[in-house]
Amino acid sequence: MGAIVPNPRQPRQTFDEESLAELAHSIREFGLLQPIVVRPLPAEPVIGHPPAEPVTGHPPAEPVIGHPGTARYELIMGERRWRAARLAGLDCIPAIVRCTADDAMLRDALLENIHRVQLNPLEEAAAYQQLLEDFGVTHEQLASRIGRSRPVITNTIRLLKLPVAVQRRVAAGVLSAGHARALLSLEEPFAQESLAARIVAEGLSVRATEEAVTLSRTEPDRAPTKAAPPRPMRAPGLQQLAESLSDAFDTRVKVELGRRKGRIVVEFGSVDDLERIVALITPSR
């Protein structure tokens, strides 16, 4: 186990701790049923000192370089099983040694995770992008190499253009790849983040998300503003009249004049206050 090092090109970045613990328990009980796949790495030389020249005059022995324990292997497939086996405390696990070139390392690790449905959409997109950059292939060539269609490759890589906040939701599994692809139809990052938050809050399906995107694209950029309420007409003496009534009734009074009619608004604080004002208005009562 100590001779194995992880694959630096491993496309999978997150390993669920609870799932690993369950797999480790299974390995303790039944052993590792499927071997991992590794490739040999150049051994780290361990140079020892030759013994002192013997009295017999024989030439000194050659320096001792390496020993069986210095062999090193790099994981190609099965990092999750390797991690769980370490967690289970195993010293040795079955492994298939395969001489794999660098240009096939990421491809093999990617294919294993895709076939096991263990990558989240963003990890898959990052792996595709890395393959394109490292090996200088086109989307079409990459699709033929890993057995996927070109639109799948292209649409998956486009997920990397989403805002970081949306990418976090996709990586966490809160948003599916279908939700994410629908959000890409929106041009503004703010609109994408807003709709992503709505998807989570309302539990929108992918179909409902697509409809929401279509609706938002057909609506005008700005919602029509509500018509402002008509401003009251100002006439000379209205403010003085309102202040005079306020003083007479000992409360706030507003006098408003419209185009066709006006109104007087008298405020009161309680039923007793209302009765007091009514008594002032109709003293005969």
C-alpha atoms as a PDB file:
ATOM      1  CA  MET A   1       0.000   0.000   0.000  1.00  0.00           C
ATOM      2  CA  GLY A   2       2.823   2.388   0.830  1.00  0.00           C
ATOM      3  CA  ALA A   3       4.353   1.934  -2.624  1.00  0.00           C
ATOM      4  CA  ILE A   4       1.252   3.366  -4.362  1.00  0.00           C
ATOM      5  CA  VAL A   5       0.832   7.081  -5.041  1.00  0.00           C
ATOM      6  CA  PRO A   6      -2.374   8.767  -6.265  1.00  0.00           C
ATOM      7  CA  ASN A   7      -2.858   9.815  -9.850  1.00  0.00           C
ATOM      8  CA  PRO A   8      -2.195  13.587 -10.112  1.00  0.00           C
ATOM      9  CA  ARG A   9      -4.501  13.641 -13.148  1.00  0.00           C
ATOM     10  CA  GLN A  10      -7.394  12.114 -11.244  1.00  0.00           C
ATOM     11  CA  PRO A  11     -10.503  13.971 -12.500  1.00  0.00           C
ATOM     12  CA  ARG A  12     -12.460  13.230  -9.358  1.00  0.00           C
ATOM     13  CA  GLN A  13     -11.796  15.814  -6.659  1.00  0.00           C
ATOM     14  CA  THR A  14     -14.348  14.992  -3.960  1.00  0.00           C
ATOM     15  CA  PHE A  15     -14.626  11.714  -2.076  1.00  0.00           C
ATOM     16  CA  ASP A  16     -17.648  11.339   0.184  1.00  0.00           C
ATOM     17  CA  GLU A  17     -16.402  10.428   3.666  1.00  0.00           C
ATOM     18  CA  GLU A  18     -19.520   8.477   4.609  1.00  0.00           C
ATOM     19  CA  SER A  19     -19.388   6.448   1.398  1.00  0.00           C
ATOM     20  CA  LEU A  20     -15.691   5.734   1.954  1.00  0.00           C
ATOM     21  CA  ALA A  21     -16.412   4.539   5.505  1.00  0.00           C
ATOM     22  CA  GLU A  22     -19.093   2.162   4.207  1.00  0.00           C
ATOM     23  CA  LEU A  23     -16.715   0.781   1.559  1.00  0.00           C
ATOM     24  CA  ALA A  24     -13.951   0.386   4.173  1.00  0.00           C
ATOM     25  CA  HIS A  25     -16.325  -1.639   6.368  1.00  0.00           C
ATOM     26  CA  SER A  26     -17.196  -3.859   3.400  1.00  0.00           C
ATOM     27  CA  ILE A  27     -13.499  -4.375   2.614  1.00  0.00           C
ATOM     28  CA  ARG A  28     -12.794  -5.383   6.224  1.00  0.00           C
ATOM     29  CA  GLU A  29     -15.584  -7.944   6.081  1.00  0.00           C
ATOM     30  CA  PHE A  30     -15.157  -9.384   2.582  1.00  0.00           C
ATOM     31  CA  GLY A  31     -11.862  -8.046   1.264  1.00  0.00           C
ATOM     32  CA  LEU A  32     -11.280  -6.027  -1.895  1.00  0.00           C
ATOM     33  CA  LEU A  33     -13.273  -7.862  -4.557  1.00  0.00           C
ATOM     34  CA  GLN A  34     -12.017  -5.860  -7.553  1.00  0.00           C
ATOM     35  CA  PRO A  35      -8.300  -5.081  -7.957  1.00  0.00           C
ATOM     36  CA  ILE A  36      -7.054  -1.584  -8.579  1.00  0.00           C
ATOM     37  CA  VAL A  37      -5.036  -0.707 -11.698  1.00  0.00           C
ATOM     38  CA  VAL A  38      -1.582   0.858 -11.348  1.00  0.00           C
ATOM     39  CA  ARG A  39       1.416   1.584 -13.514  1.00  0.00           C
ATOM     40  CA  PRO A  40       5.054   1.276 -12.462  1.00  0.00           C
ATOM     41  CA  LEU A  41       7.058   4.396 -11.741  1.00  0.00           C
ATOM     42  CA  PRO A  42      10.835   4.724 -11.769  1.00  0.00           C
ATOM     43  CA  ALA A  43      12.105   3.344  -8.464  1.00  0.00           C
ATOM     44  CA  GLU A  44      13.624   5.771  -6.017  1.00  0.00           C
ATOM     45  CA  PRO A  45      17.260   4.689  -5.698  1.00  0.00           C
ATOM     46  CA  VAL A  46      18.491   3.788  -2.248  1.00  0.00           C
ATOM     47  CA  ILE A  47      22.242   4.010  -2.388  1.00  0.00           C
ATOM     48  CA  GLY A  48      24.113   2.058   0.249  1.00  0.00           C
ATOM     49  CA  HIS A  49      27.789   2.128   1.154  1.00  0.00           C
ATOM     50  CA  PRO A  50      29.916  -0.713  -0.204  1.00  0.00           C
ATOM     51  CA  PRO A  51      31.636  -2.875   2.317  1.00  0.00           C
ATOM     52  CA  ALA A  52      35.236  -2.109   3.199  1.00  0.00           C
ATOM     53  CA  GLU A  53      37.869  -3.598   0.895  1.00  0.00           C
ATOM     54  CA  PRO A  54      38.561  -7.127   2.081  1.00  0.00           C
ATOM     55  CA  VAL A  55      41.985  -8.184   3.210  1.00  0.00           C
ATOM     56  CA  THR A  56      42.131 -10.769   0.405  1.00  0.00           C
ATOM     57  CA  GLY A  57      42.579  -7.973  -2.142  1.00  0.00           C
ATOM     58  CA  HIS A  58      39.335  -8.512  -4.017  1.00  0.00           C
ATOM     59  CA  PRO A  59      37.863  -5.318  -5.509  1.00  0.00           C
ATOM     60  CA  PRO A  60      35.165  -3.609  -3.476  1.00  0.00           C
ATOM     61  CA  ALA A  61      31.553  -4.501  -4.186  1.00  0.00           C
ATOM     62  CA  GLU A  62      29.445  -2.230  -6.361  1.00  0.00           C
ATOM     63  CA  PRO A  63      27.123   0.235  -4.537  1.00  0.00           C
ATOM     64  CA  VAL A  64      23.744  -1.279  -3.740  1.00  0.00           C
ATOM     65  CA  ILE A  65      21.063   0.707  -5.628  1.00  0.00           C
ATOM     66  CA  GLY A  66      17.470   0.038  -4.769  1.00  0.00           C
ATOM     67  CA  HIS A  67      15.776  -3.027  -3.325  1.00  0.00           C
ATOM     68  CA  PRO A  68      12.378  -4.639  -3.800  1.00  0.00           C
ATOM     69  CA  GLY A  69      10.784  -2.326  -1.265  1.00  0.00           C
ATOM     70  CA  THR A  70      11.592   0.810  -3.274  1.00  0.00           C
ATOM     71  CA  ALA A  71       9.307  -0.022  -6.228  1.00  0.00           C
ATOM     72  CA  ARG A  72       6.642   2.656  -6.726  1.00  0.00           C
ATOM     73  CA  TYR A  73       3.349   2.548  -8.568  1.00  0.00           C
ATOM     74  CA  GLU A  74       0.910   5.216  -9.673  1.00  0.00           C
ATOM     75  CA  LEU A  75      -2.836   4.698  -9.534  1.00  0.00           C
ATOM     76  CA  ILE A  76      -4.716   4.589 -12.814  1.00  0.00           C
ATOM     77  CA  MET A  77      -8.069   3.239 -11.655  1.00  0.00           C
ATOM     78  CA  GLY A  78      -9.505   2.589  -8.228  1.00  0.00           C
ATOM     79  CA  GLU A  79      -8.472   5.526  -6.041  1.00  0.00           C
ATOM     80  CA  ARG A  80     -11.691   5.263  -4.062  1.00  0.00           C
ATOM     81  CA  ARG A  81     -11.016   1.565  -3.389  1.00  0.00           C
ATOM     82  CA  TRP A  82      -7.411   2.378  -2.493  1.00  0.00           C
ATOM     83  CA  ARG A  83      -8.476   5.075  -0.043  1.00  0.00           C
ATOM     84  CA  ALA A  84     -11.049   2.771   1.545  1.00  0.00           C
ATOM     85  CA  ALA A  85      -8.502  -0.060   1.833  1.00  0.00           C
ATOM     86  CA  ARG A  86      -6.117   2.281   3.633  1.00  0.00           C
ATOM     87  CA  LEU A  87      -8.967   3.334   5.886  1.00  0.00           C
ATOM     88  CA  ALA A  88      -9.653  -0.341   6.586  1.00  0.00           C
ATOM     89  CA  GLY A  89      -6.031  -0.809   7.644  1.00  0.00           C
ATOM     90  CA  LEU A  90      -4.966  -3.224   4.886  1.00  0.00           C
ATOM     91  CA  ASP A  91      -1.269  -3.553   4.113  1.00  0.00           C
ATOM     92  CA  CYS A  92      -1.668  -5.286   0.743  1.00  0.00           C
ATOM     93  CA  ILE A  93      -4.424  -5.227  -1.868  1.00  0.00           C
ATOM     94  CA  PRO A  94      -4.744  -6.930  -5.282  1.00  0.00           C
ATOM     95  CA  ALA A  95      -3.597  -4.758  -8.177  1.00  0.00           C
ATOM     96  CA  ILE A  96      -3.182  -5.065 -11.918  1.00  0.00           C
ATOM     97  CA  VAL A  97       0.065  -3.530 -13.162  1.00  0.00           C
ATOM     98  CA  ARG A  98      -0.333  -1.921 -16.566  1.00  0.00           C
ATOM     99  CA  CYS A  99       2.230   0.046 -18.549  1.00  0.00           C
ATOM    100  CA  THR A 100       0.166   3.112 -19.417  1.00  0.00           C
ATOM    101  CA  ALA A 101       1.498   6.178 -21.183  1.00  0.00           C
ATOM    102  CA  ASP A 102       0.910   9.659 -19.822  1.00  0.00           C
ATOM    103  CA  ASP A 103      -1.561  10.525 -22.572  1.00  0.00           C
ATOM    104  CA  ALA A 104      -3.794   7.618 -21.502  1.00  0.00           C
ATOM    105  CA  MET A 105      -3.701   8.223 -17.740  1.00  0.00           C
ATOM    106  CA  LEU A 106      -6.386  10.884 -17.567  1.00  0.00           C
ATOM    107  CA  ARG A 107      -8.468   9.155 -20.227  1.00  0.00           C
ATOM    108  CA  ASP A 108      -8.519   5.865 -18.317  1.00  0.00           C
ATOM    109  CA  ALA A 109      -9.282   7.523 -14.987  1.00  0.00           C
ATOM    110  CA  LEU A 110     -11.983   9.609 -16.628  1.00  0.00           C
ATOM    111  CA  LEU A 111     -13.618   6.627 -18.307  1.00  0.00           C
ATOM    112  CA  GLU A 112     -13.680   4.624 -15.090  1.00  0.00           C
ATOM    113  CA  ASN A 113     -15.396   7.441 -13.212  1.00  0.00           C
ATOM    114  CA  ILE A 114     -17.843   8.123 -16.047  1.00  0.00           C
ATOM    115  CA  HIS A 115     -18.812   4.462 -16.295  1.00  0.00           C
ATOM    116  CA  ARG A 116     -19.293   4.321 -12.528  1.00  0.00           C
ATOM    117  CA  VAL A 117     -21.200   7.644 -12.546  1.00  0.00           C
ATOM    118  CA  GLN A 118     -18.917   8.963  -9.816  1.00  0.00           C
ATOM    119  CA  LEU A 119     -17.995  12.371 -11.242  1.00  0.00           C
ATOM    120  CA  ASN A 120     -20.121  15.423 -10.696  1.00  0.00           C
ATOM    121  CA  PRO A 121     -20.772  17.432 -13.885  1.00  0.00           C
ATOM    122  CA  LEU A 122     -18.105  20.033 -13.103  1.00  0.00           C
ATOM    123  CA  GLU A 123     -15.415  17.426 -12.459  1.00  0.00           C
ATOM    124  CA  GLU A 124     -16.298  15.807 -15.771  1.00  0.00           C
ATOM    125  CA  ALA A 125     -16.159  19.188 -17.522  1.00  0.00           C
ATOM    126  CA  ALA A 126     -12.757  19.973 -15.982  1.00  0.00           C
ATOM    127  CA  ALA A 127     -11.432  16.562 -17.053  1.00  0.00           C
ATOM    128  CA  TYR A 128     -12.602  17.119 -20.636  1.00  0.00           C
ATOM    129  CA  GLN A 129     -11.009  20.563 -20.664  1.00  0.00           C
ATOM    130  CA  GLN A 130      -7.733  19.179 -19.321  1.00  0.00           C
ATOM    131  CA  LEU A 131      -7.662  16.493 -22.009  1.00  0.00           C
ATOM    132  CA  LEU A 132      -8.219  19.103 -24.702  1.00  0.00           C
ATOM    133  CA  GLU A 133      -5.448  21.335 -23.363  1.00  0.00           C
ATOM    134  CA  ASP A 134      -2.906  18.605 -22.599  1.00  0.00           C
ATOM    135  CA  PHE A 135      -3.176  16.654 -25.825  1.00  0.00           C
ATOM    136  CA  GLY A 136      -4.302  19.324 -28.284  1.00  0.00           C
ATOM    137  CA  VAL A 137      -7.274  17.413 -29.626  1.00  0.00           C
ATOM    138  CA  THR A 138     -10.583  18.741 -30.898  1.00  0.00           C
ATOM    139  CA  HIS A 139     -13.970  18.121 -29.332  1.00  0.00           C
ATOM    140  CA  GLU A 140     -14.719  15.663 -32.121  1.00  0.00           C
ATOM    141  CA  GLN A 141     -11.476  13.719 -31.567  1.00  0.00           C
ATOM    142  CA  LEU A 142     -11.987  13.613 -27.810  1.00  0.00           C
ATOM    143  CA  ALA A 143     -15.543  12.372 -28.276  1.00  0.00           C
ATOM    144  CA  SER A 144     -14.385   9.511 -30.496  1.00  0.00           C
ATOM    145  CA  ARG A 145     -11.654   8.520 -28.036  1.00  0.00           C
ATOM    146  CA  ILE A 146     -13.892   8.235 -24.996  1.00  0.00           C
ATOM    147  CA  GLY A 147     -17.073   7.118 -26.692  1.00  0.00           C
ATOM    148  CA  ARG A 148     -19.157  10.236 -26.177  1.00  0.00           C
ATOM    149  CA  SER A 149     -20.884  12.475 -28.692  1.00  0.00           C
ATOM    150  CA  ARG A 150     -19.369  15.831 -29.565  1.00  0.00           C
ATOM    151  CA  PRO A 151     -22.417  17.830 -28.317  1.00  0.00           C
ATOM    152  CA  VAL A 152     -22.121  16.093 -24.934  1.00  0.00           C
ATOM    153  CA  ILE A 153     -18.446  17.080 -24.701  1.00  0.00           C
ATOM    154  CA  THR A 154     -19.131  20.667 -25.774  1.00  0.00           C
ATOM    155  CA  ASN A 155     -22.166  21.207 -23.556  1.00  0.00           C
ATOM    156  CA  THR A 156     -20.397  19.707 -20.541  1.00  0.00           C
ATOM    157  CA  ILE A 157     -17.358  21.964 -20.960  1.00  0.00           C
ATOM    158  CA  ARG A 158     -19.678  24.985 -21.188  1.00  0.00           C
ATOM    159  CA  LEU A 159     -20.629  24.387 -17.547  1.00  0.00           C
ATOM    160  CA  LEU A 160     -17.265  25.873 -16.590  1.00  0.00           C
ATOM    161  CA  LYS A 161     -18.589  29.256 -17.796  1.00  0.00           C
ATOM    162  CA  LEU A 162     -21.232  29.410 -15.061  1.00  0.00           C
ATOM    163  CA  PRO A 163     -20.706  31.809 -12.138  1.00  0.00           C
ATOM    164  CA  VAL A 164     -18.772  30.371  -9.214  1.00  0.00           C
ATOM    165  CA  ALA A 165     -21.837  30.439  -6.952  1.00  0.00           C
ATOM    166  CA  VAL A 166     -23.784  28.333  -9.447  1.00  0.00           C
ATOM    167  CA  GLN A 167     -20.839  25.970  -9.962  1.00  0.00           C
ATOM    168  CA  ARG A 168     -20.738  25.311  -6.219  1.00  0.00           C
ATOM    169  CA  ARG A 169     -24.397  24.252  -6.284  1.00  0.00           C
ATOM    170  CA  VAL A 170     -23.734  21.931  -9.220  1.00  0.00           C
ATOM    171  CA  ALA A 171     -20.687  20.403  -7.504  1.00  0.00           C
ATOM    172  CA  ALA A 172     -22.713  19.865  -4.329  1.00  0.00           C
ATOM    173  CA  GLY A 173     -25.447  18.084  -6.279  1.00  0.00           C
ATOM    174  CA  VAL A 174     -28.073  20.719  -5.469  1.00  0.00           C
ATOM    175  CA  LEU A 175     -28.388  21.539  -9.169  1.00  0.00           C
ATOM    176  CA  SER A 176     -28.275  18.836 -11.825  1.00  0.00           C
ATOM    177  CA  ALA A 177     -26.399  19.042 -15.114  1.00  0.00           C
ATOM    178  CA  GLY A 178     -29.768  19.614 -16.828  1.00  0.00           C
ATOM    179  CA  HIS A 179     -30.465  22.619 -14.595  1.00  0.00           C
ATOM    180  CA  ALA A 180     -26.978  23.966 -15.289  1.00  0.00           C
ATOM    181  CA  ARG A 181     -27.316  23.612 -19.061  1.00  0.00           C
ATOM    182  CA  ALA A 182     -30.640  25.446 -18.942  1.00  0.00           C
ATOM    183  CA  LEU A 183     -29.034  28.292 -16.974  1.00  0.00           C
ATOM    184  CA  LEU A 184     -26.399  28.698 -19.681  1.00  0.00           C
ATOM    185  CA  SER A 185     -29.126  30.014 -21.981  1.00  0.00           C
ATOM    186  CA  LEU A 186     -29.183  33.163 -19.840  1.00  0.00           C
ATOM    187  CA  GLU A 187     -26.482  35.640 -20.782  1.00  0.00           C
ATOM    188  CA  GLU A 188     -26.184  37.640 -17.566  1.00  0.00           C
ATOM    189  CA  PRO A 189     -24.370  35.987 -14.615  1.00  0.00           C
ATOM    190  CA  PHE A 190     -26.693  37.788 -12.195  1.00  0.00           C
ATOM    191  CA  ALA A 191     -29.724  36.278 -13.942  1.00  0.00           C
ATOM    192  CA  GLN A 192     -28.119  32.834 -13.791  1.00  0.00           C
ATOM    193  CA  GLU A 193     -27.451  33.153 -10.048  1.00  0.00           C
ATOM    194  CA  SER A 194     -30.974  34.466  -9.375  1.00  0.00           C
ATOM    195  CA  LEU A 195     -32.651  31.618 -11.234  1.00  0.00           C
ATOM    196  CA  ALA A 196     -30.319  29.075  -9.585  1.00  0.00           C
ATOM    197  CA  ALA A 197     -31.419  30.331  -6.176  1.00  0.00           C
ATOM    198  CA  ARG A 198     -35.044  30.072  -7.275  1.00  0.00           C
ATOM    199  CA  ILE A 199     -34.516  26.481  -8.478  1.00  0.00           C
ATOM    200  CA  VAL A 200     -33.216  25.503  -5.041  1.00  0.00           C
ATOM    201  CA  ALA A 201     -35.862  27.433  -3.123  1.00  0.00           C
ATOM    202  CA  GLU A 202     -38.845  26.228  -5.168  1.00  0.00           C
ATOM    203  CA  GLY A 203     -37.542  22.810  -6.216  1.00  0.00           C
ATOM    204  CA  LEU A 204     -38.010  23.544  -9.922  1.00  0.00           C
ATOM    205  CA  SER A 205     -37.625  20.661 -12.349  1.00  0.00           C
ATOM    206  CA  VAL A 206     -35.374  20.921 -15.394  1.00  0.00           C
ATOM    207  CA  ARG A 207     -38.443  21.419 -17.590  1.00  0.00           C
ATOM    208  CA  ALA A 208     -39.749  24.195 -15.339  1.00  0.00           C
ATOM    209  CA  THR A 209     -36.308  25.796 -15.385  1.00  0.00           C
ATOM    210  CA  GLU A 210     -36.241  25.770 -19.181  1.00  0.00           C
ATOM    211  CA  GLU A 211     -39.675  27.420 -19.234  1.00  0.00           C
ATOM    212  CA  ALA A 212     -38.498  30.055 -16.755  1.00  0.00           C
ATOM    213  CA  VAL A 213     -35.480  30.769 -18.951  1.00  0.00           C
ATOM    214  CA  THR A 214     -37.675  31.095 -22.048  1.00  0.00           C
ATOM    215  CA  LEU A 215     -40.050  33.406 -20.222  1.00  0.00           C
ATOM    216  CA  SER A 216     -37.265  35.624 -18.927  1.00  0.00           C
ATOM    217  CA  ARG A 217     -35.771  35.924 -22.414  1.00  0.00           C
ATOM    218  CA  THR A 218     -39.086  36.917 -23.997  1.00  0.00           C
ATOM    219  CA  GLU A 219     -39.868  39.532 -21.356  1.00  0.00           C
ATOM    220  CA  PRO A 220     -38.518  43.056 -21.859  1.00  0.00           C
ATOM    221  CA  ASP A 221     -35.281  43.875 -20.112  1.00  0.00           C
ATOM    222  CA  ARG A 222     -37.069  46.073 -17.623  1.00  0.00           C
ATOM    223  CA  ALA A 223     -40.444  45.441 -16.142  1.00  0.00           C
ATOM    224  CA  PRO A 224     -42.908  48.234 -16.917  1.00  0.00           C
ATOM    225  CA  THR A 225     -43.056  50.733 -14.117  1.00  0.00           C
ATOM    226  CA  LYS A 226     -46.366  51.305 -12.408  1.00  0.00           C
ATOM    227  CA  ALA A 227     -48.128  54.534 -13.248  1.00  0.00           C
ATOM    228  CA  ALA A 228     -47.390  57.125 -10.633  1.00  0.00           C
ATOM    229  CA  PRO A 229     -50.433  58.182  -8.615  1.00  0.00           C
ATOM    230  CA  PRO A 230     -51.817  61.546  -9.671  1.00  0.00           C
ATOM    231  CA  ARG A 231     -50.293  64.362  -7.698  1.00  0.00           C
ATOM    232  CA  PRO A 232     -52.811  66.468  -5.789  1.00  0.00           C
ATOM    233  CA  MET A 233     -53.510  69.876  -7.230  1.00  0.00           C
ATOM    234  CA  ARG A 234     -52.230  72.822  -5.276  1.00  0.00           C
ATOM    235  CA  ALA A 235     -54.511  75.787  -4.723  1.00  0.00           C
ATOM    236  CA  PRO A 236     -53.800  78.985  -2.821  1.00  0.00           C
ATOM    237  CA  GLY A 237     -54.939  78.837   0.806  1.00  0.00           C
ATOM    238  CA  LEU A 238     -55.354  75.018   1.068  1.00  0.00           C
ATOM    239  CA  GLN A 239     -52.352  74.586   3.318  1.00  0.00           C
ATOM    240  CA  GLN A 240     -53.486  77.417   5.590  1.00  0.00           C
ATOM    241  CA  LEU A 241     -56.977  75.896   5.724  1.00  0.00           C
ATOM    242  CA  ALA A 242     -55.543  72.487   6.681  1.00  0.00           C
ATOM    243  CA  GLU A 243     -53.444  74.066   9.437  1.00  0.00           C
ATOM    244  CA  SER A 244     -56.466  75.990  10.729  1.00  0.00           C
ATOM    245  CA  LEU A 245     -58.585  72.832  10.895  1.00  0.00           C
ATOM    246  CA  SER A 246     -55.746  70.964  12.585  1.00  0.00           C
ATOM    247  CA  ASP A 247     -55.612  73.604  15.275  1.00  0.00           C
ATOM    248  CA  ALA A 248     -59.403  73.619  15.694  1.00  0.00           C
ATOM    249  CA  PHE A 249     -59.707  69.827  16.017  1.00  0.00           C
ATOM    250  CA  ASP A 250     -56.370  69.365  17.789  1.00  0.00           C
ATOM    251  CA  THR A 251     -55.359  66.617  15.325  1.00  0.00           C
ATOM    252  CA  ARG A 252     -53.804  66.300  11.915  1.00  0.00           C
ATOM    253  CA  VAL A 253     -56.050  67.379   9.028  1.00  0.00           C
ATOM    254  CA  LYS A 254     -55.238  67.149   5.304  1.00  0.00           C
ATOM    255  CA  VAL A 255     -57.076  69.030   2.597  1.00  0.00           C
ATOM    256  CA  GLU A 256     -56.651  67.562  -0.913  1.00  0.00           C
ATOM    257  CA  LEU A 257     -58.002  68.923  -4.182  1.00  0.00           C
ATOM    258  CA  GLY A 258     -58.354  66.718  -7.283  1.00  0.00           C
ATOM    259  CA  ARG A 259     -59.352  67.549 -10.845  1.00  0.00           C
ATOM    260  CA  ARG A 260     -63.045  66.958 -10.177  1.00  0.00           C
ATOM    261  CA  LYS A 261     -63.407  66.844  -6.434  1.00  0.00           C
ATOM    262  CA  GLY A 262     -61.518  67.220  -3.189  1.00  0.00           C
ATOM    263  CA  ARG A 263     -61.500  65.690   0.273  1.00  0.00           C
ATOM    264  CA  ILE A 264     -60.680  66.468   3.875  1.00  0.00           C
ATOM    265  CA  VAL A 265     -58.914  63.777   5.888  1.00  0.00           C
ATOM    266  CA  VAL A 266     -59.176  64.070   9.672  1.00  0.00           C
ATOM    267  CA  GLU A 267     -57.025  61.671  11.701  1.00  0.00           C
ATOM    268  CA  PHE A 268     -57.995  60.345  15.132  1.00  0.00           C
ATOM    269  CA  GLY A 269     -56.199  58.177  17.624  1.00  0.00           C
ATOM    270  CA  SER A 270     -59.037  56.268  19.317  1.00  0.00           C
ATOM    271  CA  VAL A 271     -62.803  55.976  19.528  1.00  0.00           C
ATOM    272  CA  ASP A 272     -62.874  58.551  22.314  1.00  0.00           C
ATOM    273  CA  ASP A 273     -60.795  60.870  20.162  1.00  0.00           C
ATOM    274  CA  LEU A 274     -63.225  60.348  17.283  1.00  0.00           C
ATOM    275  CA  GLU A 275     -66.195  61.221  19.489  1.00  0.00           C
ATOM    276  CA  ARG A 276     -64.387  64.349  20.637  1.00  0.00           C
ATOM    277  CA  ILE A 277     -63.800  65.480  17.038  1.00  0.00           C
ATOM    278  CA  VAL A 278     -67.407  64.719  16.047  1.00  0.00           C
ATOM    279  CA  ALA A 279     -68.620  66.811  18.999  1.00  0.00           C
ATOM    280  CA  LEU A 280     -66.519  69.715  17.740  1.00  0.00           C
ATOM    281  CA  ILE A 281     -67.892  69.359  14.224  1.00  0.00           C
ATOM    282  CA  THR A 282     -71.565  68.985  15.325  1.00  0.00           C
ATOM    283  CA  PRO A 283     -71.872  70.795  18.671  1.00  0.00           C
ATOM    284  CA  SER A 284     -75.690  70.499  18.624  1.00  0.00           C
ATOM    285  CA  ARG A 285     -75.374  66.724  18.776  1.00  0.00           C
END
